[in-house]
Amino acid sequence: MNTADRNELELKYLEIYAFADLAAGKEARSKKRTARQVIAVGARDWLDRWFFIYIWAGRETASDFKKRILDVQEMHRPRIFGLEANGMQVLYGALVREESKLRSGGRVKMIPVYQPTNVDKDFRIRTGLEPLIAQGRLFILPELTDAWIELRGFPTAQTKDIVDAMETCVRLAPKRPRKVAREAEREQYAEYLRGTRLAPHLIEKKLAEFAVGGE
């Protein structure tokens, strides 16, 4: 795990994805102290690194949580915003998606996410996040302390709803075929270099080095 520096993270070069676990989204379930609502927002760069830039976990009424989701949508404008849809959450999620369409004009793709019930949650989280951690591709803002606690304590930490939401957020991003991914990486890297106002000949040199590194 790595610390993400907000000052060095240029979001315009990244793909933003978000996921909300609606666990206690209905007042009827809010008394379950183990059930927290969670929102996780992650950004993927051209090197397939993930930067988690917003995480919230807590318990709110259905209306307050809906407002929070829509505010996060407005602030981060994710390519895909997933809402957990298992059980009765599907009804609440449908209401949120309908209001999302009205507020964003359909610019944000908000979709229901059905978590696999035949796969152990710990196994799903481990297989989804461990490769990112092992390869140094997972970054988290230092102030997101609850996320750090859950990741460092997984799987024996008292809660694991945040790491569960993070894994689902990563899973929302479409997999890139290697050739297509490499071309996309080069294009985004070139755009980034141009944004730094580096001299053209230095940009070409760096792109050439990038191409050699991918062979």
N, C-alpha and C. Protein backbone atom coordinates (compact mmCIF):
# COMPACT_ATOMS: atom_id res chain seq x y z
N MET A 1 0.84 -1.19 0.00
CA MET A 1 0.00 0.00 0.00
C MET A 1 0.88 1.24 0.00
N ASN A 2 0.42 2.25 -0.67
CA ASN A 2 1.19 3.48 -0.78
C ASN A 2 0.31 4.68 -0.43
N THR A 3 0.96 5.77 -0.05
CA THR A 3 0.24 7.00 0.23
C THR A 3 0.11 7.83 -1.03
N ALA A 4 -1.08 8.25 -1.36
CA ALA A 4 -1.31 9.10 -2.53
C ALA A 4 -1.19 10.56 -2.11
N ASP A 5 -0.42 11.32 -2.86
CA ASP A 5 -0.26 12.75 -2.59
C ASP A 5 -1.27 13.51 -3.42
N ARG A 6 -2.19 14.20 -2.75
CA ARG A 6 -3.25 14.93 -3.45
C ARG A 6 -2.67 15.97 -4.40
N ASN A 7 -1.54 16.57 -4.05
CA ASN A 7 -0.95 17.62 -4.87
C ASN A 7 -0.36 17.09 -6.17
N GLU A 8 0.00 15.81 -6.20
CA GLU A 8 0.61 15.23 -7.39
C GLU A 8 -0.38 14.45 -8.24
N LEU A 9 -1.61 14.29 -7.76
CA LEU A 9 -2.60 13.47 -8.45
C LEU A 9 -3.44 14.35 -9.36
N GLU A 10 -3.21 14.26 -10.66
CA GLU A 10 -3.96 15.05 -11.63
C GLU A 10 -5.11 14.21 -12.16
N LEU A 11 -6.29 14.43 -11.63
CA LEU A 11 -7.42 13.56 -11.90
C LEU A 11 -7.88 13.59 -13.35
N LYS A 12 -7.55 14.66 -14.06
CA LYS A 12 -8.02 14.74 -15.45
C LYS A 12 -7.39 13.67 -16.33
N TYR A 13 -6.30 13.06 -15.86
CA TYR A 13 -5.65 12.01 -16.64
C TYR A 13 -6.10 10.61 -16.21
N LEU A 14 -7.03 10.52 -15.26
CA LEU A 14 -7.40 9.23 -14.69
C LEU A 14 -8.86 8.87 -15.00
N GLU A 15 -9.14 7.57 -14.93
CA GLU A 15 -10.51 7.07 -15.07
C GLU A 15 -11.09 6.92 -13.66
N ILE A 16 -12.24 7.53 -13.42
CA ILE A 16 -12.84 7.52 -12.10
C ILE A 16 -13.97 6.49 -12.04
N TYR A 17 -13.96 5.68 -10.98
CA TYR A 17 -15.02 4.70 -10.73
C TYR A 17 -15.47 4.83 -9.28
N ALA A 18 -16.74 4.57 -9.02
CA ALA A 18 -17.27 4.67 -7.66
C ALA A 18 -18.21 3.51 -7.38
N PHE A 19 -18.30 3.18 -6.10
CA PHE A 19 -19.22 2.11 -5.68
C PHE A 19 -19.80 2.47 -4.33
N ALA A 20 -21.09 2.20 -4.16
CA ALA A 20 -21.76 2.44 -2.88
C ALA A 20 -22.41 1.16 -2.39
N ASP A 21 -22.06 0.77 -1.16
CA ASP A 21 -22.72 -0.33 -0.48
C ASP A 21 -23.88 0.29 0.30
N LEU A 22 -25.10 -0.08 -0.07
CA LEU A 22 -26.29 0.55 0.50
C LEU A 22 -26.74 -0.11 1.80
N ALA A 23 -25.88 -0.92 2.40
CA ALA A 23 -26.21 -1.82 3.50
C ALA A 23 -27.32 -1.34 4.42
N ALA A 24 -27.15 -0.16 5.01
CA ALA A 24 -28.18 0.34 5.93
C ALA A 24 -28.94 1.49 5.30
N GLY A 25 -29.06 1.46 4.00
CA GLY A 25 -29.69 2.56 3.29
C GLY A 25 -31.14 2.78 3.65
N LYS A 26 -31.81 1.74 4.16
CA LYS A 26 -33.19 1.88 4.59
C LYS A 26 -33.21 1.96 6.11
N GLU A 27 -34.01 2.86 6.64
CA GLU A 27 -34.05 3.06 8.09
C GLU A 27 -34.30 1.76 8.83
N ALA A 28 -35.02 0.85 8.21
CA ALA A 28 -35.36 -0.41 8.88
C ALA A 28 -34.12 -1.22 9.23
N ARG A 29 -33.02 -1.00 8.47
CA ARG A 29 -31.82 -1.77 8.73
C ARG A 29 -30.77 -0.97 9.49
N SER A 30 -31.03 0.30 9.74
CA SER A 30 -30.02 1.16 10.31
C SER A 30 -29.67 0.82 11.75
N LYS A 31 -30.48 0.00 12.41
CA LYS A 31 -30.19 -0.37 13.78
C LYS A 31 -29.15 -1.48 13.87
N LYS A 32 -28.82 -2.11 12.78
CA LYS A 32 -27.78 -3.14 12.78
C LYS A 32 -26.43 -2.45 12.86
N ARG A 33 -25.80 -2.54 14.02
CA ARG A 33 -24.58 -1.78 14.24
C ARG A 33 -23.44 -2.26 13.35
N THR A 34 -23.51 -3.51 12.88
CA THR A 34 -22.44 -4.03 12.03
C THR A 34 -22.63 -3.63 10.57
N ALA A 35 -23.80 -3.11 10.23
CA ALA A 35 -24.08 -2.78 8.84
C ALA A 35 -23.85 -1.29 8.61
N ARG A 36 -22.80 -0.96 7.87
CA ARG A 36 -22.52 0.44 7.54
C ARG A 36 -22.73 0.66 6.06
N GLN A 37 -23.15 1.85 5.72
CA GLN A 37 -23.15 2.27 4.32
C GLN A 37 -21.71 2.68 3.98
N VAL A 38 -21.32 2.44 2.76
CA VAL A 38 -19.95 2.78 2.34
C VAL A 38 -19.99 3.34 0.93
N ILE A 39 -19.16 4.36 0.69
CA ILE A 39 -18.92 4.85 -0.67
C ILE A 39 -17.41 4.87 -0.88
N ALA A 40 -16.97 4.29 -1.97
CA ALA A 40 -15.55 4.30 -2.32
C ALA A 40 -15.39 4.85 -3.73
N VAL A 41 -14.45 5.76 -3.90
CA VAL A 41 -14.16 6.33 -5.22
C VAL A 41 -12.69 6.08 -5.53
N GLY A 42 -12.44 5.38 -6.63
CA GLY A 42 -11.08 5.07 -7.04
C GLY A 42 -10.79 5.62 -8.42
N ALA A 43 -9.52 5.93 -8.68
CA ALA A 43 -9.09 6.45 -9.97
C ALA A 43 -8.00 5.56 -10.53
N ARG A 44 -8.16 5.12 -11.77
CA ARG A 44 -7.18 4.24 -12.42
C ARG A 44 -6.38 5.04 -13.44
N ASP A 45 -5.06 4.86 -13.43
CA ASP A 45 -4.24 5.58 -14.41
C ASP A 45 -3.82 4.67 -15.55
N TRP A 46 -2.97 5.19 -16.46
CA TRP A 46 -2.59 4.44 -17.66
C TRP A 46 -1.68 3.26 -17.35
N LEU A 47 -1.13 3.18 -16.14
CA LEU A 47 -0.29 2.06 -15.73
C LEU A 47 -1.08 1.06 -14.89
N ASP A 48 -2.40 1.21 -14.90
CA ASP A 48 -3.30 0.34 -14.15
C ASP A 48 -3.04 0.42 -12.65
N ARG A 49 -2.62 1.59 -12.19
CA ARG A 49 -2.50 1.84 -10.75
C ARG A 49 -3.82 2.43 -10.27
N TRP A 50 -4.13 2.16 -9.01
CA TRP A 50 -5.39 2.64 -8.43
C TRP A 50 -5.12 3.61 -7.29
N PHE A 51 -5.80 4.76 -7.35
CA PHE A 51 -5.69 5.80 -6.33
C PHE A 51 -7.07 5.99 -5.71
N PHE A 52 -7.20 5.65 -4.43
CA PHE A 52 -8.49 5.87 -3.77
C PHE A 52 -8.50 7.26 -3.18
N ILE A 53 -9.43 8.07 -3.69
CA ILE A 53 -9.44 9.50 -3.41
C ILE A 53 -10.59 9.93 -2.50
N TYR A 54 -11.56 9.04 -2.31
CA TYR A 54 -12.69 9.36 -1.43
C TYR A 54 -13.23 8.06 -0.87
N ILE A 55 -13.37 8.01 0.45
CA ILE A 55 -14.01 6.87 1.10
C ILE A 55 -14.81 7.41 2.28
N TRP A 56 -16.04 6.97 2.36
CA TRP A 56 -16.90 7.32 3.49
C TRP A 56 -17.59 6.06 3.97
N ALA A 57 -17.68 5.91 5.29
CA ALA A 57 -18.41 4.78 5.88
C ALA A 57 -19.15 5.28 7.11
N GLY A 58 -20.41 4.91 7.24
CA GLY A 58 -21.19 5.35 8.39
C GLY A 58 -22.62 4.88 8.28
N ARG A 59 -23.49 5.53 9.02
CA ARG A 59 -24.91 5.16 9.02
C ARG A 59 -25.75 6.42 8.91
N GLU A 60 -26.57 6.48 7.89
CA GLU A 60 -27.44 7.64 7.67
C GLU A 60 -28.83 7.16 7.29
N THR A 61 -29.78 8.06 7.36
CA THR A 61 -31.12 7.73 6.89
C THR A 61 -31.08 7.54 5.37
N ALA A 62 -32.11 6.94 4.84
CA ALA A 62 -32.16 6.69 3.40
C ALA A 62 -32.04 7.99 2.60
N SER A 63 -32.74 9.03 3.03
CA SER A 63 -32.71 10.28 2.28
C SER A 63 -31.35 10.96 2.37
N ASP A 64 -30.73 10.93 3.56
CA ASP A 64 -29.42 11.56 3.71
C ASP A 64 -28.35 10.82 2.91
N PHE A 65 -28.45 9.49 2.91
CA PHE A 65 -27.45 8.71 2.17
C PHE A 65 -27.62 8.90 0.66
N LYS A 66 -28.87 9.00 0.23
CA LYS A 66 -29.11 9.26 -1.19
C LYS A 66 -28.49 10.58 -1.60
N LYS A 67 -28.65 11.60 -0.77
CA LYS A 67 -28.06 12.90 -1.05
C LYS A 67 -26.54 12.80 -1.10
N ARG A 68 -25.95 12.02 -0.19
CA ARG A 68 -24.49 11.87 -0.19
C ARG A 68 -24.01 11.22 -1.49
N ILE A 69 -24.71 10.17 -1.92
CA ILE A 69 -24.33 9.49 -3.15
C ILE A 69 -24.37 10.46 -4.33
N LEU A 70 -25.45 11.24 -4.43
CA LEU A 70 -25.60 12.16 -5.54
C LEU A 70 -24.58 13.29 -5.47
N ASP A 71 -24.22 13.71 -4.27
CA ASP A 71 -23.18 14.74 -4.12
C ASP A 71 -21.82 14.21 -4.58
N VAL A 72 -21.53 12.94 -4.22
CA VAL A 72 -20.28 12.31 -4.67
C VAL A 72 -20.26 12.18 -6.19
N GLN A 73 -21.41 11.82 -6.74
CA GLN A 73 -21.53 11.74 -8.20
C GLN A 73 -21.22 13.08 -8.85
N GLU A 74 -21.77 14.14 -8.29
CA GLU A 74 -21.57 15.47 -8.85
C GLU A 74 -20.12 15.92 -8.72
N MET A 75 -19.49 15.59 -7.61
CA MET A 75 -18.13 16.03 -7.35
C MET A 75 -17.10 15.29 -8.20
N HIS A 76 -17.26 13.96 -8.33
CA HIS A 76 -16.22 13.16 -8.97
C HIS A 76 -16.55 12.71 -10.40
N ARG A 77 -17.82 12.74 -10.78
CA ARG A 77 -18.25 12.36 -12.13
C ARG A 77 -17.61 11.04 -12.59
N PRO A 78 -17.85 9.95 -11.89
CA PRO A 78 -17.23 8.67 -12.28
C PRO A 78 -17.76 8.16 -13.61
N ARG A 79 -16.93 7.39 -14.30
CA ARG A 79 -17.38 6.75 -15.54
C ARG A 79 -18.50 5.76 -15.24
N ILE A 80 -18.34 5.02 -14.13
CA ILE A 80 -19.36 4.08 -13.68
C ILE A 80 -19.52 4.25 -12.18
N PHE A 81 -20.76 4.31 -11.74
CA PHE A 81 -21.07 4.38 -10.31
C PHE A 81 -21.92 3.17 -10.00
N GLY A 82 -21.36 2.20 -9.29
CA GLY A 82 -22.09 0.98 -8.96
C GLY A 82 -22.81 1.10 -7.63
N LEU A 83 -24.02 0.56 -7.57
CA LEU A 83 -24.80 0.50 -6.34
C LEU A 83 -25.10 -0.95 -6.04
N GLU A 84 -24.74 -1.40 -4.84
CA GLU A 84 -25.01 -2.80 -4.50
C GLU A 84 -26.50 -3.08 -4.60
N ALA A 85 -26.84 -4.23 -5.20
CA ALA A 85 -28.24 -4.51 -5.49
C ALA A 85 -28.72 -5.83 -4.91
N ASN A 86 -27.95 -6.42 -4.00
CA ASN A 86 -28.39 -7.69 -3.40
C ASN A 86 -29.58 -7.46 -2.47
N GLY A 87 -30.51 -8.41 -2.47
CA GLY A 87 -31.66 -8.34 -1.57
C GLY A 87 -32.53 -7.12 -1.82
N MET A 88 -33.00 -6.52 -0.72
CA MET A 88 -33.91 -5.38 -0.81
C MET A 88 -33.20 -4.10 -1.26
N GLN A 89 -31.86 -4.13 -1.30
CA GLN A 89 -31.13 -2.94 -1.72
C GLN A 89 -31.45 -2.55 -3.16
N VAL A 90 -31.92 -3.52 -3.95
CA VAL A 90 -32.21 -3.24 -5.35
C VAL A 90 -33.30 -2.18 -5.48
N LEU A 91 -34.27 -2.16 -4.57
CA LEU A 91 -35.36 -1.18 -4.65
C LEU A 91 -34.87 0.22 -4.32
N TYR A 92 -34.07 0.31 -3.28
CA TYR A 92 -33.51 1.61 -2.90
C TYR A 92 -32.58 2.12 -4.00
N GLY A 93 -31.76 1.21 -4.53
CA GLY A 93 -30.83 1.59 -5.59
C GLY A 93 -31.54 2.11 -6.82
N ALA A 94 -32.70 1.52 -7.14
CA ALA A 94 -33.46 1.98 -8.31
C ALA A 94 -33.91 3.42 -8.14
N LEU A 95 -34.31 3.79 -6.93
CA LEU A 95 -34.72 5.17 -6.66
C LEU A 95 -33.54 6.13 -6.80
N VAL A 96 -32.39 5.70 -6.31
CA VAL A 96 -31.20 6.56 -6.41
C VAL A 96 -30.80 6.74 -7.86
N ARG A 97 -30.84 5.66 -8.63
CA ARG A 97 -30.45 5.74 -10.05
C ARG A 97 -31.39 6.66 -10.82
N GLU A 98 -32.68 6.61 -10.49
CA GLU A 98 -33.65 7.46 -11.18
C GLU A 98 -33.36 8.93 -10.92
N GLU A 99 -33.06 9.27 -9.66
CA GLU A 99 -32.76 10.66 -9.35
C GLU A 99 -31.41 11.06 -9.95
N SER A 100 -30.49 10.10 -10.03
CA SER A 100 -29.19 10.37 -10.65
C SER A 100 -29.36 10.80 -12.10
N LYS A 101 -30.25 10.12 -12.81
CA LYS A 101 -30.51 10.47 -14.22
C LYS A 101 -31.04 11.89 -14.34
N LEU A 102 -31.93 12.25 -13.43
CA LEU A 102 -32.52 13.58 -13.47
C LEU A 102 -31.47 14.65 -13.16
N ARG A 103 -30.61 14.36 -12.19
CA ARG A 103 -29.64 15.37 -11.77
C ARG A 103 -28.48 15.50 -12.75
N SER A 104 -28.00 14.38 -13.30
CA SER A 104 -26.81 14.43 -14.18
C SER A 104 -27.17 14.44 -15.65
N GLY A 105 -28.46 14.31 -15.97
CA GLY A 105 -28.84 14.24 -17.37
C GLY A 105 -28.33 12.99 -18.05
N GLY A 106 -28.11 11.94 -17.24
CA GLY A 106 -27.63 10.67 -17.79
C GLY A 106 -26.15 10.64 -18.07
N ARG A 107 -25.41 11.67 -17.63
CA ARG A 107 -23.97 11.71 -17.93
C ARG A 107 -23.17 10.69 -17.12
N VAL A 108 -23.71 10.29 -15.97
CA VAL A 108 -23.03 9.30 -15.14
C VAL A 108 -23.74 7.97 -15.30
N LYS A 109 -22.96 6.93 -15.57
CA LYS A 109 -23.51 5.59 -15.74
C LYS A 109 -23.62 4.94 -14.37
N MET A 110 -24.82 4.97 -13.79
CA MET A 110 -25.05 4.38 -12.48
C MET A 110 -25.73 3.03 -12.69
N ILE A 111 -25.12 1.96 -12.14
CA ILE A 111 -25.60 0.61 -12.43
C ILE A 111 -25.77 -0.20 -11.15
N PRO A 112 -26.69 -1.18 -11.18
CA PRO A 112 -26.80 -2.10 -10.03
C PRO A 112 -25.66 -3.11 -10.06
N VAL A 113 -25.15 -3.46 -8.90
CA VAL A 113 -24.07 -4.45 -8.79
C VAL A 113 -24.55 -5.58 -7.89
N TYR A 114 -24.61 -6.77 -8.46
CA TYR A 114 -25.03 -7.95 -7.70
C TYR A 114 -23.78 -8.71 -7.26
N GLN A 115 -23.51 -8.69 -5.96
CA GLN A 115 -22.34 -9.38 -5.45
C GLN A 115 -22.54 -10.89 -5.54
N PRO A 116 -21.52 -11.63 -5.99
CA PRO A 116 -21.66 -13.09 -6.09
C PRO A 116 -21.86 -13.73 -4.72
N THR A 117 -22.94 -14.49 -4.57
CA THR A 117 -23.22 -15.12 -3.27
C THR A 117 -22.55 -16.47 -3.13
N ASN A 118 -22.00 -16.99 -4.24
CA ASN A 118 -21.34 -18.30 -4.19
C ASN A 118 -19.82 -18.19 -4.04
N VAL A 119 -19.34 -16.97 -3.79
CA VAL A 119 -17.90 -16.75 -3.60
C VAL A 119 -17.68 -16.15 -2.22
N ASP A 120 -16.78 -16.75 -1.46
CA ASP A 120 -16.47 -16.25 -0.12
C ASP A 120 -15.98 -14.80 -0.20
N LYS A 121 -16.55 -13.92 0.65
CA LYS A 121 -16.20 -12.50 0.58
C LYS A 121 -14.72 -12.26 0.81
N ASP A 122 -14.12 -12.92 1.81
CA ASP A 122 -12.70 -12.71 2.08
C ASP A 122 -11.85 -13.12 0.88
N PHE A 123 -12.23 -14.23 0.24
CA PHE A 123 -11.49 -14.69 -0.93
C PHE A 123 -11.60 -13.67 -2.06
N ARG A 124 -12.80 -13.12 -2.26
CA ARG A 124 -13.01 -12.13 -3.32
C ARG A 124 -12.19 -10.87 -3.08
N ILE A 125 -12.19 -10.41 -1.83
CA ILE A 125 -11.41 -9.21 -1.51
C ILE A 125 -9.92 -9.47 -1.69
N ARG A 126 -9.48 -10.60 -1.18
CA ARG A 126 -8.05 -10.93 -1.26
C ARG A 126 -7.56 -11.02 -2.70
N THR A 127 -8.30 -11.74 -3.53
CA THR A 127 -7.87 -11.92 -4.92
C THR A 127 -8.00 -10.63 -5.73
N GLY A 128 -8.87 -9.73 -5.28
CA GLY A 128 -9.05 -8.48 -6.01
C GLY A 128 -8.03 -7.41 -5.65
N LEU A 129 -7.62 -7.36 -4.38
CA LEU A 129 -6.74 -6.28 -3.93
C LEU A 129 -5.29 -6.70 -3.73
N GLU A 130 -5.04 -7.95 -3.39
CA GLU A 130 -3.66 -8.35 -3.10
C GLU A 130 -2.70 -8.14 -4.27
N PRO A 131 -3.12 -8.44 -5.53
CA PRO A 131 -2.19 -8.17 -6.64
C PRO A 131 -1.81 -6.69 -6.73
N LEU A 132 -2.75 -5.80 -6.48
CA LEU A 132 -2.45 -4.37 -6.52
C LEU A 132 -1.46 -4.00 -5.42
N ILE A 133 -1.67 -4.55 -4.23
CA ILE A 133 -0.79 -4.25 -3.11
C ILE A 133 0.60 -4.82 -3.36
N ALA A 134 0.66 -6.08 -3.80
CA ALA A 134 1.95 -6.74 -4.01
C ALA A 134 2.78 -6.06 -5.09
N GLN A 135 2.11 -5.51 -6.11
CA GLN A 135 2.82 -4.87 -7.22
C GLN A 135 2.96 -3.36 -7.03
N GLY A 136 2.61 -2.87 -5.85
CA GLY A 136 2.76 -1.44 -5.58
C GLY A 136 1.84 -0.57 -6.42
N ARG A 137 0.64 -1.07 -6.74
CA ARG A 137 -0.28 -0.32 -7.60
C ARG A 137 -1.51 0.19 -6.86
N LEU A 138 -1.49 0.14 -5.54
CA LEU A 138 -2.62 0.63 -4.75
C LEU A 138 -2.17 1.82 -3.91
N PHE A 139 -2.84 2.95 -4.09
CA PHE A 139 -2.50 4.19 -3.39
C PHE A 139 -3.74 4.72 -2.68
N ILE A 140 -3.56 5.23 -1.47
CA ILE A 140 -4.67 5.73 -0.68
C ILE A 140 -4.25 7.05 -0.05
N LEU A 141 -5.15 8.03 -0.09
CA LEU A 141 -4.85 9.29 0.57
C LEU A 141 -4.62 9.06 2.06
N PRO A 142 -3.62 9.70 2.65
CA PRO A 142 -3.26 9.42 4.05
C PRO A 142 -4.38 9.69 5.05
N GLU A 143 -5.29 10.62 4.72
CA GLU A 143 -6.35 10.94 5.67
C GLU A 143 -7.48 9.92 5.69
N LEU A 144 -7.46 8.95 4.78
CA LEU A 144 -8.51 7.92 4.74
C LEU A 144 -8.15 6.82 5.74
N THR A 145 -8.16 7.17 7.01
CA THR A 145 -7.63 6.29 8.06
C THR A 145 -8.42 5.00 8.21
N ASP A 146 -9.74 5.04 8.04
CA ASP A 146 -10.54 3.81 8.18
C ASP A 146 -10.14 2.77 7.14
N ALA A 147 -9.83 3.24 5.94
CA ALA A 147 -9.40 2.32 4.88
C ALA A 147 -8.05 1.68 5.23
N TRP A 148 -7.13 2.49 5.73
CA TRP A 148 -5.82 1.96 6.15
C TRP A 148 -5.99 0.91 7.24
N ILE A 149 -6.85 1.19 8.22
CA ILE A 149 -7.05 0.25 9.33
C ILE A 149 -7.59 -1.08 8.82
N GLU A 150 -8.59 -1.02 7.93
CA GLU A 150 -9.17 -2.27 7.43
C GLU A 150 -8.19 -3.05 6.57
N LEU A 151 -7.44 -2.36 5.73
CA LEU A 151 -6.48 -3.06 4.87
C LEU A 151 -5.38 -3.72 5.69
N ARG A 152 -4.86 -3.00 6.66
CA ARG A 152 -3.77 -3.55 7.48
C ARG A 152 -4.27 -4.67 8.39
N GLY A 153 -5.54 -4.62 8.76
CA GLY A 153 -6.07 -5.64 9.66
C GLY A 153 -6.78 -6.78 8.98
N PHE A 154 -6.93 -6.70 7.67
CA PHE A 154 -7.67 -7.74 6.93
C PHE A 154 -6.94 -9.08 7.03
N PRO A 155 -7.65 -10.21 7.24
CA PRO A 155 -9.11 -10.34 7.29
C PRO A 155 -9.68 -10.36 8.71
N THR A 156 -8.83 -10.09 9.72
CA THR A 156 -9.30 -10.21 11.10
C THR A 156 -9.77 -8.89 11.71
N ALA A 157 -9.70 -7.80 10.96
CA ALA A 157 -10.16 -6.51 11.47
C ALA A 157 -11.64 -6.58 11.83
N GLN A 158 -12.07 -5.70 12.72
CA GLN A 158 -13.46 -5.71 13.19
C GLN A 158 -14.45 -5.50 12.05
N THR A 159 -14.08 -4.67 11.08
CA THR A 159 -14.94 -4.44 9.91
C THR A 159 -14.14 -4.67 8.63
N LYS A 160 -14.86 -4.98 7.56
CA LYS A 160 -14.22 -5.17 6.25
C LYS A 160 -15.10 -4.62 5.13
N ASP A 161 -16.06 -3.76 5.49
CA ASP A 161 -16.97 -3.24 4.47
C ASP A 161 -16.28 -2.24 3.55
N ILE A 162 -15.26 -1.53 4.04
CA ILE A 162 -14.55 -0.58 3.18
C ILE A 162 -13.71 -1.31 2.15
N VAL A 163 -12.94 -2.32 2.59
CA VAL A 163 -12.11 -3.06 1.62
C VAL A 163 -12.98 -3.82 0.64
N ASP A 164 -14.16 -4.24 1.09
CA ASP A 164 -15.11 -4.88 0.19
C ASP A 164 -15.56 -3.91 -0.90
N ALA A 165 -15.86 -2.67 -0.50
CA ALA A 165 -16.27 -1.65 -1.47
C ALA A 165 -15.13 -1.28 -2.41
N MET A 166 -13.91 -1.23 -1.89
CA MET A 166 -12.75 -0.93 -2.73
C MET A 166 -12.55 -2.01 -3.79
N GLU A 167 -12.66 -3.27 -3.39
CA GLU A 167 -12.51 -4.37 -4.35
C GLU A 167 -13.57 -4.30 -5.43
N THR A 168 -14.80 -4.00 -5.03
CA THR A 168 -15.89 -3.91 -6.01
C THR A 168 -15.66 -2.73 -6.96
N CYS A 169 -15.16 -1.63 -6.43
CA CYS A 169 -14.86 -0.47 -7.26
C CYS A 169 -13.84 -0.83 -8.33
N VAL A 170 -12.79 -1.57 -7.94
CA VAL A 170 -11.77 -2.01 -8.90
C VAL A 170 -12.39 -2.92 -9.95
N ARG A 171 -13.31 -3.77 -9.51
CA ARG A 171 -13.93 -4.74 -10.42
C ARG A 171 -14.85 -4.07 -11.43
N LEU A 172 -15.32 -2.86 -11.14
CA LEU A 172 -16.18 -2.15 -12.07
C LEU A 172 -15.44 -1.72 -13.35
N ALA A 173 -14.15 -1.51 -13.22
CA ALA A 173 -13.37 -1.03 -14.37
C ALA A 173 -13.19 -2.16 -15.38
N PRO A 174 -13.48 -1.91 -16.66
CA PRO A 174 -13.34 -2.96 -17.68
C PRO A 174 -11.88 -3.36 -17.84
N LYS A 175 -11.67 -4.66 -18.03
CA LYS A 175 -10.32 -5.18 -18.25
C LYS A 175 -9.85 -4.74 -19.63
N ARG A 176 -8.58 -4.40 -19.73
CA ARG A 176 -8.02 -3.97 -21.02
C ARG A 176 -7.23 -5.10 -21.66
N PRO A 177 -7.52 -5.44 -22.93
CA PRO A 177 -6.64 -6.36 -23.65
C PRO A 177 -5.24 -5.77 -23.67
N ARG A 178 -4.20 -6.60 -23.58
CA ARG A 178 -2.85 -6.08 -23.38
C ARG A 178 -2.44 -5.07 -24.45
N LYS A 179 -2.70 -5.39 -25.73
CA LYS A 179 -2.29 -4.49 -26.80
C LYS A 179 -3.04 -3.16 -26.71
N VAL A 180 -4.36 -3.27 -26.51
CA VAL A 180 -5.17 -2.07 -26.40
C VAL A 180 -4.76 -1.27 -25.17
N ALA A 181 -4.49 -1.99 -24.08
CA ALA A 181 -4.09 -1.32 -22.84
C ALA A 181 -2.79 -0.55 -23.04
N ARG A 182 -1.84 -1.19 -23.76
CA ARG A 182 -0.55 -0.53 -23.96
C ARG A 182 -0.70 0.73 -24.81
N GLU A 183 -1.54 0.66 -25.84
CA GLU A 183 -1.78 1.83 -26.67
C GLU A 183 -2.46 2.94 -25.87
N ALA A 184 -3.40 2.55 -25.02
CA ALA A 184 -4.09 3.53 -24.18
C ALA A 184 -3.12 4.16 -23.19
N GLU A 185 -2.24 3.33 -22.64
CA GLU A 185 -1.23 3.83 -21.70
C GLU A 185 -0.34 4.87 -22.38
N ARG A 186 0.10 4.55 -23.62
CA ARG A 186 0.98 5.47 -24.33
C ARG A 186 0.28 6.79 -24.63
N GLU A 187 -1.00 6.69 -25.04
CA GLU A 187 -1.76 7.89 -25.39
C GLU A 187 -1.96 8.79 -24.17
N GLN A 188 -2.30 8.16 -23.05
CA GLN A 188 -2.52 8.94 -21.83
C GLN A 188 -1.21 9.50 -21.29
N TYR A 189 -0.14 8.72 -21.43
CA TYR A 189 1.18 9.19 -20.98
C TYR A 189 1.61 10.39 -21.83
N ALA A 190 1.35 10.32 -23.14
CA ALA A 190 1.70 11.43 -24.03
C ALA A 190 0.91 12.68 -23.66
N GLU A 191 -0.37 12.50 -23.37
CA GLU A 191 -1.20 13.64 -22.98
C GLU A 191 -0.69 14.26 -21.67
N TYR A 192 -0.30 13.39 -20.76
CA TYR A 192 0.24 13.87 -19.49
C TYR A 192 1.53 14.67 -19.71
N LEU A 193 2.42 14.14 -20.54
CA LEU A 193 3.70 14.83 -20.80
C LEU A 193 3.47 16.18 -21.46
N ARG A 194 2.51 16.23 -22.39
CA ARG A 194 2.22 17.51 -23.03
C ARG A 194 1.70 18.52 -22.01
N GLY A 195 0.94 18.01 -21.03
CA GLY A 195 0.41 18.89 -20.01
C GLY A 195 1.48 19.48 -19.10
N THR A 196 2.63 18.81 -19.03
CA THR A 196 3.73 19.33 -18.20
C THR A 196 4.54 20.40 -18.91
N ARG A 197 4.21 20.65 -20.20
CA ARG A 197 4.91 21.64 -21.03
C ARG A 197 6.39 21.30 -21.23
N LEU A 198 6.65 20.01 -21.25
CA LEU A 198 8.00 19.54 -21.53
C LEU A 198 8.32 19.83 -22.99
N ALA A 199 9.59 20.04 -23.28
CA ALA A 199 10.01 20.32 -24.66
C ALA A 199 9.64 19.13 -25.56
N PRO A 200 9.20 19.39 -26.80
CA PRO A 200 8.77 18.30 -27.70
C PRO A 200 9.79 17.19 -27.85
N HIS A 201 11.08 17.53 -27.98
CA HIS A 201 12.09 16.48 -28.19
C HIS A 201 12.24 15.60 -26.93
N LEU A 202 11.98 16.18 -25.76
CA LEU A 202 12.05 15.40 -24.53
C LEU A 202 10.82 14.49 -24.40
N ILE A 203 9.68 15.00 -24.88
CA ILE A 203 8.48 14.16 -24.88
C ILE A 203 8.68 12.95 -25.76
N GLU A 204 9.24 13.17 -26.96
CA GLU A 204 9.49 12.05 -27.87
C GLU A 204 10.46 11.05 -27.27
N LYS A 205 11.47 11.55 -26.58
CA LYS A 205 12.45 10.67 -25.95
C LYS A 205 11.78 9.79 -24.88
N LYS A 206 10.94 10.42 -24.05
CA LYS A 206 10.26 9.67 -23.00
C LYS A 206 9.28 8.65 -23.58
N LEU A 207 8.60 9.01 -24.66
CA LEU A 207 7.68 8.07 -25.30
C LEU A 207 8.42 6.90 -25.91
N ALA A 208 9.61 7.17 -26.46
CA ALA A 208 10.44 6.10 -27.01
C ALA A 208 10.88 5.15 -25.91
N GLU A 209 11.27 5.72 -24.77
CA GLU A 209 11.66 4.89 -23.63
C GLU A 209 10.48 4.08 -23.12
N PHE A 210 9.29 4.68 -23.16
CA PHE A 210 8.08 3.99 -22.75
C PHE A 210 7.81 2.79 -23.65
N ALA A 211 8.01 2.97 -24.97
CA ALA A 211 7.77 1.90 -25.93
C ALA A 211 8.74 0.75 -25.71
N VAL A 212 10.00 1.07 -25.45
CA VAL A 212 11.01 0.03 -25.21
C VAL A 212 10.69 -0.74 -23.95
N GLY A 213 10.22 -0.03 -22.96
CA GLY A 213 9.89 -0.68 -21.69
C GLY A 213 8.74 -1.65 -21.80
N GLY A 214 7.90 -1.51 -22.82
CA GLY A 214 6.75 -2.39 -22.97
C GLY A 214 7.02 -3.60 -23.83
N GLU A 215 8.21 -3.69 -24.39
CA GLU A 215 8.52 -4.82 -25.28
C GLU A 215 8.92 -6.05 -24.49
